[in-house]
Amino acid sequence: MGFTLLEILVASVAFAMIVLVIKVTLLESLELRERSQTRMDKLNSQMRVVEVMEKDLRQCLLTESIFASEFRGDTLGGGVSRTDQLEFYTLSGITITNQPWGSLQKVRYYLEQPLNEGRTELSEGLSLYREVTRNLNPSVPGVILPQAIANRVSSLSFQYYDGEYWQENWDSTVDETKLPVAVRVRIEFLRDKTQSENRSRSSSEEALPSVQSTIALMSIPQIEEEEADGESPEDDI
C-alpha cells in the first residue's frame, strides 16, 4: 500500500513543525539557562565582596598604640546615593615568609570613579575600592595598595551599633576610644541594561539590586565606665 503525494507533503509539513517547535523550545531553554547562570555569577561575585568586608571587620582591632589607633566611618553624600567610607585596623592580613609584614594592616573602603582602561562596561556607576596599608610604621614611607573589588556600584552605606542605637558616623578618636558593637553595610548596584529595559514601565522608586550584611565585631577593646554605685555593668543583667 503506497502513500499519495498529498499524504507525504502533509507528513513532511507536520514533521517540520515538530522540529521547529523543539528547536524554539531548546533555544529558549538555553537562553534562560544562560541568563540564570549570569545572574548567579553576578550574585556570587557580590557576595564575595561582602565576605571580604566581613572578614576584615570581624578581625578589626583598636589599641592605644600608634599602629591600631582608630576606627573611623564617615557618611558622605545624601539621600539614596551614599558614598560612605570606613577606615580601621584589622588582623586579616596574610603573612608571607619573604615579606616583613605581619597580619595587622590598615584597611579603607570607599567609592570612586572607576578607571575605565578602555572597558565601556565600567564607565557607569562607581567602583568600590579596598585600600590596604601593610607598612604601619609612620617613620617609613609605605606602599598603599588600592584594589577595586566591585564595579557599577550606586551606593555604599555603613551604620554602627553602639549597643543601644544605630549611628551614621563613628570616630574612635572622639570621647572614648572604642569600637562599635556591630557594623551594618549595604551596597547597591546599578541594574543591567536588560533589567532596566524590562523595568522601563515600572515605578522609578523600585529598589536597586543590593547586598546587605550586619557584622558583629568579635573583639571590642574599649573603656568600660564604672557604675556610680560601684557595681559592674554585668550586675544589671
C-alpha atoms as a PDB file:
ATOM      1  CA  MET A   1       0.000   0.000   0.000  1.00  0.00           C
ATOM      2  CA  GLY A   2       1.587   3.253  -1.102  1.00  0.00           C
ATOM      3  CA  PHE A   3       1.228   6.866   0.012  1.00  0.00           C
ATOM      4  CA  THR A   4      -0.121   9.622  -2.125  1.00  0.00           C
ATOM      5  CA  LEU A   5       1.877  12.759  -2.796  1.00  0.00           C
ATOM      6  CA  LEU A   6      -0.556  14.787  -0.666  1.00  0.00           C
ATOM      7  CA  GLU A   7      -0.064  12.491   2.338  1.00  0.00           C
ATOM      8  CA  ILE A   8       3.714  12.753   2.013  1.00  0.00           C
ATOM      9  CA  LEU A   9       3.520  16.571   1.883  1.00  0.00           C
ATOM     10  CA  VAL A  10       1.246  16.699   4.941  1.00  0.00           C
ATOM     11  CA  ALA A  11       3.571  14.384   6.871  1.00  0.00           C
ATOM     12  CA  SER A  12       6.601  16.458   5.861  1.00  0.00           C
ATOM     13  CA  VAL A  13       4.948  19.710   6.992  1.00  0.00           C
ATOM     14  CA  ALA A  14       3.898  18.145  10.299  1.00  0.00           C
ATOM     15  CA  PHE A  15       7.423  16.809  10.911  1.00  0.00           C
ATOM     16  CA  ALA A  16       8.938  20.226  10.064  1.00  0.00           C
ATOM     17  CA  MET A  17       6.588  21.952  12.530  1.00  0.00           C
ATOM     18  CA  ILE A  18       7.501  19.467  15.265  1.00  0.00           C
ATOM     19  CA  VAL A  19      11.214  20.045  14.623  1.00  0.00           C
ATOM     20  CA  LEU A  20      10.668  23.828  14.670  1.00  0.00           C
ATOM     21  CA  VAL A  21       8.808  23.685  17.994  1.00  0.00           C
ATOM     22  CA  ILE A  22      11.558  21.535  19.513  1.00  0.00           C
ATOM     23  CA  LYS A  23      14.233  23.929  18.242  1.00  0.00           C
ATOM     24  CA  VAL A  24      12.476  27.039  19.584  1.00  0.00           C
ATOM     25  CA  THR A  25      11.897  25.380  22.956  1.00  0.00           C
ATOM     26  CA  LEU A  26      15.528  24.266  23.163  1.00  0.00           C
ATOM     27  CA  LEU A  27      16.850  27.728  22.258  1.00  0.00           C
ATOM     28  CA  GLU A  28      14.605  29.394  24.835  1.00  0.00           C
ATOM     29  CA  SER A  29      15.735  26.900  27.477  1.00  0.00           C
ATOM     30  CA  LEU A  30      19.403  27.556  26.683  1.00  0.00           C
ATOM     31  CA  GLU A  31      18.856  31.324  26.770  1.00  0.00           C
ATOM     32  CA  LEU A  32      17.037  31.083  30.097  1.00  0.00           C
ATOM     33  CA  ARG A  33      19.832  28.923  31.489  1.00  0.00           C
ATOM     34  CA  GLU A  34      22.456  31.414  30.323  1.00  0.00           C
ATOM     35  CA  ARG A  35      20.603  34.352  31.884  1.00  0.00           C
ATOM     36  CA  SER A  36      20.169  32.447  35.144  1.00  0.00           C
ATOM     37  CA  GLN A  37      23.845  31.499  35.205  1.00  0.00           C
ATOM     38  CA  THR A  38      24.836  35.109  34.548  1.00  0.00           C
ATOM     39  CA  ARG A  39      22.660  36.318  37.420  1.00  0.00           C
ATOM     40  CA  MET A  40      24.061  33.659  39.749  1.00  0.00           C
ATOM     41  CA  ASP A  41      27.650  34.545  38.819  1.00  0.00           C
ATOM     42  CA  LYS A  42      26.961  38.215  39.462  1.00  0.00           C
ATOM     43  CA  LEU A  43      25.275  37.473  42.798  1.00  0.00           C
ATOM     44  CA  ASN A  44      28.164  35.229  43.863  1.00  0.00           C
ATOM     45  CA  SER A  45      30.629  37.978  42.937  1.00  0.00           C
ATOM     46  CA  GLN A  46      28.683  40.495  45.014  1.00  0.00           C
ATOM     47  CA  MET A  47      28.502  38.117  47.961  1.00  0.00           C
ATOM     48  CA  ARG A  48      32.266  37.557  47.805  1.00  0.00           C
ATOM     49  CA  VAL A  49      32.722  41.314  48.208  1.00  0.00           C
ATOM     50  CA  VAL A  50      30.625  41.198  51.378  1.00  0.00           C
ATOM     51  CA  GLU A  51      32.608  38.198  52.640  1.00  0.00           C
ATOM     52  CA  VAL A  52      35.862  40.162  52.283  1.00  0.00           C
ATOM     53  CA  MET A  53      34.394  43.055  54.265  1.00  0.00           C
ATOM     54  CA  GLU A  54      33.043  40.682  56.916  1.00  0.00           C
ATOM     55  CA  LYS A  55      36.457  39.061  57.338  1.00  0.00           C
ATOM     56  CA  ASP A  56      38.144  42.445  57.787  1.00  0.00           C
ATOM     57  CA  LEU A  57      35.567  43.719  60.268  1.00  0.00           C
ATOM     58  CA  ARG A  58      35.409  40.567  62.386  1.00  0.00           C
ATOM     59  CA  GLN A  59      39.152  40.850  62.996  1.00  0.00           C
ATOM     60  CA  CYS A  60      39.340  44.605  63.483  1.00  0.00           C
ATOM     61  CA  LEU A  61      41.468  45.856  66.345  1.00  0.00           C
ATOM     62  CA  LEU A  62      41.706  49.043  68.358  1.00  0.00           C
ATOM     63  CA  THR A  63      44.534  49.776  70.783  1.00  0.00           C
ATOM     64  CA  GLU A  64      46.178  52.811  72.293  1.00  0.00           C
ATOM     65  CA  SER A  65      49.314  52.276  70.211  1.00  0.00           C
ATOM     66  CA  ILE A  66      50.084  54.197  67.030  1.00  0.00           C
ATOM     67  CA  PHE A  67      49.693  51.046  64.955  1.00  0.00           C
ATOM     68  CA  ALA A  68      45.977  50.477  65.578  1.00  0.00           C
ATOM     69  CA  SER A  69      44.710  53.730  66.951  1.00  0.00           C
ATOM     70  CA  GLU A  70      41.435  54.496  65.198  1.00  0.00           C
ATOM     71  CA  PHE A  71      38.190  53.250  63.754  1.00  0.00           C
ATOM     72  CA  ARG A  72      36.559  55.933  61.650  1.00  0.00           C
ATOM     73  CA  GLY A  73      33.483  55.873  59.470  1.00  0.00           C
ATOM     74  CA  ASP A  74      32.185  58.955  57.657  1.00  0.00           C
ATOM     75  CA  THR A  75      28.862  59.415  55.929  1.00  0.00           C
ATOM     76  CA  LEU A  76      29.207  61.124  52.580  1.00  0.00           C
ATOM     77  CA  GLY A  77      26.562  62.010  50.043  1.00  0.00           C
ATOM     78  CA  GLY A  78      22.910  62.067  50.944  1.00  0.00           C
ATOM     79  CA  GLY A  79      19.536  60.623  50.176  1.00  0.00           C
ATOM     80  CA  VAL A  80      19.520  57.326  48.349  1.00  0.00           C
ATOM     81  CA  SER A  81      23.026  57.549  46.846  1.00  0.00           C
ATOM     82  CA  ARG A  82      25.515  57.474  49.696  1.00  0.00           C
ATOM     83  CA  THR A  83      29.251  57.244  49.278  1.00  0.00           C
ATOM     84  CA  ASP A  84      30.378  56.402  52.814  1.00  0.00           C
ATOM     85  CA  GLN A  85      33.921  55.479  53.684  1.00  0.00           C
ATOM     86  CA  LEU A  86      35.309  53.381  56.515  1.00  0.00           C
ATOM     87  CA  GLU A  87      38.871  53.142  57.815  1.00  0.00           C
ATOM     88  CA  PHE A  88      40.107  50.762  60.512  1.00  0.00           C
ATOM     89  CA  TYR A  89      42.834  48.343  61.561  1.00  0.00           C
ATOM     90  CA  THR A  90      42.413  44.592  61.235  1.00  0.00           C
ATOM     91  CA  LEU A  91      44.307  41.353  61.742  1.00  0.00           C
ATOM     92  CA  SER A  92      43.145  39.920  58.414  1.00  0.00           C
ATOM     93  CA  GLY A  93      46.473  40.391  56.658  1.00  0.00           C
ATOM     94  CA  ILE A  94      48.142  37.338  55.133  1.00  0.00           C
ATOM     95  CA  THR A  95      51.696  36.793  56.333  1.00  0.00           C
ATOM     96  CA  ILE A  96      54.235  35.796  53.681  1.00  0.00           C
ATOM     97  CA  THR A  97      57.641  34.361  54.510  1.00  0.00           C
ATOM     98  CA  ASN A  98      59.689  36.628  52.250  1.00  0.00           C
ATOM     99  CA  GLN A  99      57.863  39.818  53.289  1.00  0.00           C
ATOM    100  CA  PRO A 100      58.257  41.704  56.589  1.00  0.00           C
ATOM    101  CA  TRP A 101      54.559  42.451  57.122  1.00  0.00           C
ATOM    102  CA  GLY A 102      52.528  40.859  59.894  1.00  0.00           C
ATOM    103  CA  SER A 103      48.815  40.175  59.988  1.00  0.00           C
ATOM    104  CA  LEU A 104      47.961  43.688  61.234  1.00  0.00           C
ATOM    105  CA  GLN A 105      47.051  46.067  58.431  1.00  0.00           C
ATOM    106  CA  LYS A 106      45.092  49.241  57.827  1.00  0.00           C
ATOM    107  CA  VAL A 107      42.048  48.910  55.551  1.00  0.00           C
ATOM    108  CA  ARG A 108      39.927  51.610  53.972  1.00  0.00           C
ATOM    109  CA  TYR A 109      36.726  51.144  51.970  1.00  0.00           C
ATOM    110  CA  TYR A 110      35.443  53.920  49.718  1.00  0.00           C
ATOM    111  CA  LEU A 111      33.763  54.668  46.387  1.00  0.00           C
ATOM    112  CA  GLU A 112      35.470  56.411  43.497  1.00  0.00           C
ATOM    113  CA  GLN A 113      35.092  56.911  39.776  1.00  0.00           C
ATOM    114  CA  PRO A 114      36.427  53.813  38.010  1.00  0.00           C
ATOM    115  CA  LEU A 115      39.470  53.729  35.778  1.00  0.00           C
ATOM    116  CA  ASN A 116      37.861  52.663  32.503  1.00  0.00           C
ATOM    117  CA  GLU A 117      41.005  51.350  30.800  1.00  0.00           C
ATOM    118  CA  GLY A 118      39.049  51.036  27.566  1.00  0.00           C
ATOM    119  CA  ARG A 119      36.245  48.986  29.096  1.00  0.00           C
ATOM    120  CA  THR A 120      32.922  50.706  28.468  1.00  0.00           C
ATOM    121  CA  GLU A 121      31.063  48.467  30.924  1.00  0.00           C
ATOM    122  CA  LEU A 122      32.939  50.139  33.788  1.00  0.00           C
ATOM    123  CA  SER A 123      32.080  53.683  32.743  1.00  0.00           C
ATOM    124  CA  GLU A 124      28.739  53.672  34.588  1.00  0.00           C
ATOM    125  CA  GLY A 125      28.448  53.934  38.335  1.00  0.00           C
ATOM    126  CA  LEU A 126      31.270  53.910  40.865  1.00  0.00           C
ATOM    127  CA  SER A 127      33.880  51.373  41.871  1.00  0.00           C
ATOM    128  CA  LEU A 128      34.204  50.070  45.423  1.00  0.00           C
ATOM    129  CA  TYR A 129      37.856  50.189  46.473  1.00  0.00           C
ATOM    130  CA  ARG A 130      39.581  48.304  49.273  1.00  0.00           C
ATOM    131  CA  GLU A 131      42.760  50.167  50.162  1.00  0.00           C
ATOM    132  CA  VAL A 132      45.308  48.243  52.209  1.00  0.00           C
ATOM    133  CA  THR A 133      48.326  49.625  54.054  1.00  0.00           C
ATOM    134  CA  ARG A 134      50.715  46.921  55.278  1.00  0.00           C
ATOM    135  CA  ASN A 135      53.556  49.148  56.500  1.00  0.00           C
ATOM    136  CA  LEU A 136      52.195  50.817  59.647  1.00  0.00           C
ATOM    137  CA  ASN A 137      55.439  52.487  60.739  1.00  0.00           C
ATOM    138  CA  PRO A 138      54.791  56.245  60.273  1.00  0.00           C
ATOM    139  CA  SER A 139      58.521  56.987  60.008  1.00  0.00           C
ATOM    140  CA  VAL A 140      58.944  54.754  56.965  1.00  0.00           C
ATOM    141  CA  PRO A 141      57.126  55.562  53.696  1.00  0.00           C
ATOM    142  CA  GLY A 142      54.707  52.762  52.947  1.00  0.00           C
ATOM    143  CA  VAL A 143      53.017  51.426  49.851  1.00  0.00           C
ATOM    144  CA  ILE A 144      49.232  51.762  49.706  1.00  0.00           C
ATOM    145  CA  LEU A 145      47.509  49.110  47.630  1.00  0.00           C
ATOM    146  CA  PRO A 146      44.042  50.141  46.373  1.00  0.00           C
ATOM    147  CA  GLN A 147      42.029  47.394  44.714  1.00  0.00           C
ATOM    148  CA  ALA A 148      38.650  47.699  43.011  1.00  0.00           C
ATOM    149  CA  ILE A 149      36.574  44.819  44.413  1.00  0.00           C
ATOM    150  CA  ALA A 150      33.238  45.806  42.824  1.00  0.00           C
ATOM    151  CA  ASN A 151      32.101  47.876  39.842  1.00  0.00           C
ATOM    152  CA  ARG A 152      28.850  49.557  38.795  1.00  0.00           C
ATOM    153  CA  VAL A 153      28.128  50.496  42.404  1.00  0.00           C
ATOM    154  CA  SER A 154      25.398  53.033  43.055  1.00  0.00           C
ATOM    155  CA  SER A 155      25.623  53.472  46.820  1.00  0.00           C
ATOM    156  CA  LEU A 156      27.734  52.375  49.809  1.00  0.00           C
ATOM    157  CA  SER A 157      26.446  52.943  53.338  1.00  0.00           C
ATOM    158  CA  PHE A 158      27.666  51.938  56.794  1.00  0.00           C
ATOM    159  CA  GLN A 159      25.868  52.063  60.132  1.00  0.00           C
ATOM    160  CA  TYR A 160      27.401  51.492  63.555  1.00  0.00           C
ATOM    161  CA  TYR A 161      25.670  49.940  66.580  1.00  0.00           C
ATOM    162  CA  ASP A 162      26.809  51.332  69.923  1.00  0.00           C
ATOM    163  CA  GLY A 163      24.898  48.779  71.992  1.00  0.00           C
ATOM    164  CA  GLU A 164      21.720  50.843  72.061  1.00  0.00           C
ATOM    165  CA  TYR A 165      21.290  52.806  68.825  1.00  0.00           C
ATOM    166  CA  TRP A 166      22.477  52.661  65.232  1.00  0.00           C
ATOM    167  CA  GLN A 167      24.777  55.582  64.389  1.00  0.00           C
ATOM    168  CA  GLU A 168      25.504  57.006  60.943  1.00  0.00           C
ATOM    169  CA  ASN A 169      29.087  58.040  61.791  1.00  0.00           C
ATOM    170  CA  TRP A 170      31.792  56.723  64.081  1.00  0.00           C
ATOM    171  CA  ASP A 171      35.055  58.205  65.260  1.00  0.00           C
ATOM    172  CA  SER A 172      37.012  56.345  67.934  1.00  0.00           C
ATOM    173  CA  THR A 173      39.284  59.357  68.476  1.00  0.00           C
ATOM    174  CA  VAL A 174      36.409  61.400  69.902  1.00  0.00           C
ATOM    175  CA  ASP A 175      35.339  60.932  73.514  1.00  0.00           C
ATOM    176  CA  GLU A 176      36.102  57.297  74.374  1.00  0.00           C
ATOM    177  CA  THR A 177      38.414  55.040  72.447  1.00  0.00           C
ATOM    178  CA  LYS A 178      36.159  52.144  71.487  1.00  0.00           C
ATOM    179  CA  LEU A 179      34.775  50.080  68.654  1.00  0.00           C
ATOM    180  CA  PRO A 180      31.117  49.730  67.748  1.00  0.00           C
ATOM    181  CA  VAL A 181      29.381  46.528  68.785  1.00  0.00           C
ATOM    182  CA  ALA A 182      28.335  45.802  65.205  1.00  0.00           C
ATOM    183  CA  VAL A 183      28.578  47.308  61.731  1.00  0.00           C
ATOM    184  CA  ARG A 184      25.901  47.160  59.062  1.00  0.00           C
ATOM    185  CA  VAL A 185      26.966  47.534  55.439  1.00  0.00           C
ATOM    186  CA  ARG A 186      24.722  47.947  52.415  1.00  0.00           C
ATOM    187  CA  ILE A 187      25.921  48.060  48.807  1.00  0.00           C
ATOM    188  CA  GLU A 188      23.586  48.988  45.959  1.00  0.00           C
ATOM    189  CA  PHE A 189      24.413  48.231  42.338  1.00  0.00           C
ATOM    190  CA  LEU A 190      23.210  49.630  39.040  1.00  0.00           C
ATOM    191  CA  ARG A 191      20.851  47.469  37.025  1.00  0.00           C
ATOM    192  CA  ASP A 192      21.964  45.821  33.830  1.00  0.00           C
ATOM    193  CA  LYS A 193      20.688  47.309  30.601  1.00  0.00           C
ATOM    194  CA  THR A 194      18.379  44.342  30.065  1.00  0.00           C
ATOM    195  CA  GLN A 195      16.964  44.742  33.567  1.00  0.00           C
ATOM    196  CA  SER A 196      16.465  48.463  33.013  1.00  0.00           C
ATOM    197  CA  GLU A 197      14.615  47.832  29.775  1.00  0.00           C
ATOM    198  CA  ASN A 198      12.375  45.245  31.416  1.00  0.00           C
ATOM    199  CA  ARG A 199      11.551  47.693  34.197  1.00  0.00           C
ATOM    200  CA  SER A 200      11.069  50.748  31.998  1.00  0.00           C
ATOM    201  CA  ARG A 201       7.375  50.694  32.778  1.00  0.00           C
ATOM    202  CA  SER A 202       7.876  50.073  36.495  1.00  0.00           C
ATOM    203  CA  SER A 203       7.892  52.651  39.244  1.00  0.00           C
ATOM    204  CA  SER A 204      11.028  54.758  39.492  1.00  0.00           C
ATOM    205  CA  GLU A 205      11.027  54.106  43.249  1.00  0.00           C
ATOM    206  CA  GLU A 206      11.749  50.401  42.786  1.00  0.00           C
ATOM    207  CA  ALA A 207      14.793  49.374  44.814  1.00  0.00           C
ATOM    208  CA  LEU A 208      18.113  48.777  43.100  1.00  0.00           C
ATOM    209  CA  PRO A 209      19.780  45.357  43.380  1.00  0.00           C
ATOM    210  CA  SER A 210      21.741  45.305  46.615  1.00  0.00           C
ATOM    211  CA  VAL A 211      23.515  43.179  49.215  1.00  0.00           C
ATOM    212  CA  GLN A 212      23.492  43.841  52.944  1.00  0.00           C
ATOM    213  CA  SER A 213      25.169  42.335  55.982  1.00  0.00           C
ATOM    214  CA  THR A 214      25.381  43.024  59.720  1.00  0.00           C
ATOM    215  CA  ILE A 215      28.744  42.094  61.212  1.00  0.00           C
ATOM    216  CA  ALA A 216      29.253  41.666  64.942  1.00  0.00           C
ATOM    217  CA  LEU A 217      32.751  42.700  65.964  1.00  0.00           C
ATOM    218  CA  MET A 218      34.350  39.794  67.796  1.00  0.00           C
ATOM    219  CA  SER A 219      36.915  41.734  69.844  1.00  0.00           C
ATOM    220  CA  ILE A 220      35.758  45.012  71.369  1.00  0.00           C
ATOM    221  CA  PRO A 221      38.555  46.569  73.449  1.00  0.00           C
ATOM    222  CA  GLN A 222      37.014  49.663  74.947  1.00  0.00           C
ATOM    223  CA  ILE A 223      36.942  51.735  78.103  1.00  0.00           C
ATOM    224  CA  GLU A 224      34.277  50.437  80.469  1.00  0.00           C
ATOM    225  CA  GLU A 225      32.559  53.081  82.571  1.00  0.00           C
ATOM    226  CA  GLU A 226      32.051  52.104  86.178  1.00  0.00           C
ATOM    227  CA  GLU A 227      28.605  52.486  87.695  1.00  0.00           C
ATOM    228  CA  ALA A 228      28.118  55.254  90.230  1.00  0.00           C
ATOM    229  CA  ASP A 229      27.343  52.708  92.951  1.00  0.00           C
ATOM    230  CA  GLY A 230      30.448  50.704  92.172  1.00  0.00           C
ATOM    231  CA  GLU A 231      28.607  47.827  90.519  1.00  0.00           C
ATOM    232  CA  SER A 232      29.799  46.421  87.210  1.00  0.00           C
ATOM    233  CA  PRO A 233      27.511  46.510  84.159  1.00  0.00           C
ATOM    234  CA  GLU A 234      27.133  42.714  84.372  1.00  0.00           C
ATOM    235  CA  ASP A 235      25.346  43.044  87.703  1.00  0.00           C
ATOM    236  CA  ASP A 236      22.399  44.682  85.945  1.00  0.00           C
ATOM    237  CA  ILE A 237      21.874  41.823  83.523  1.00  0.00           C
END
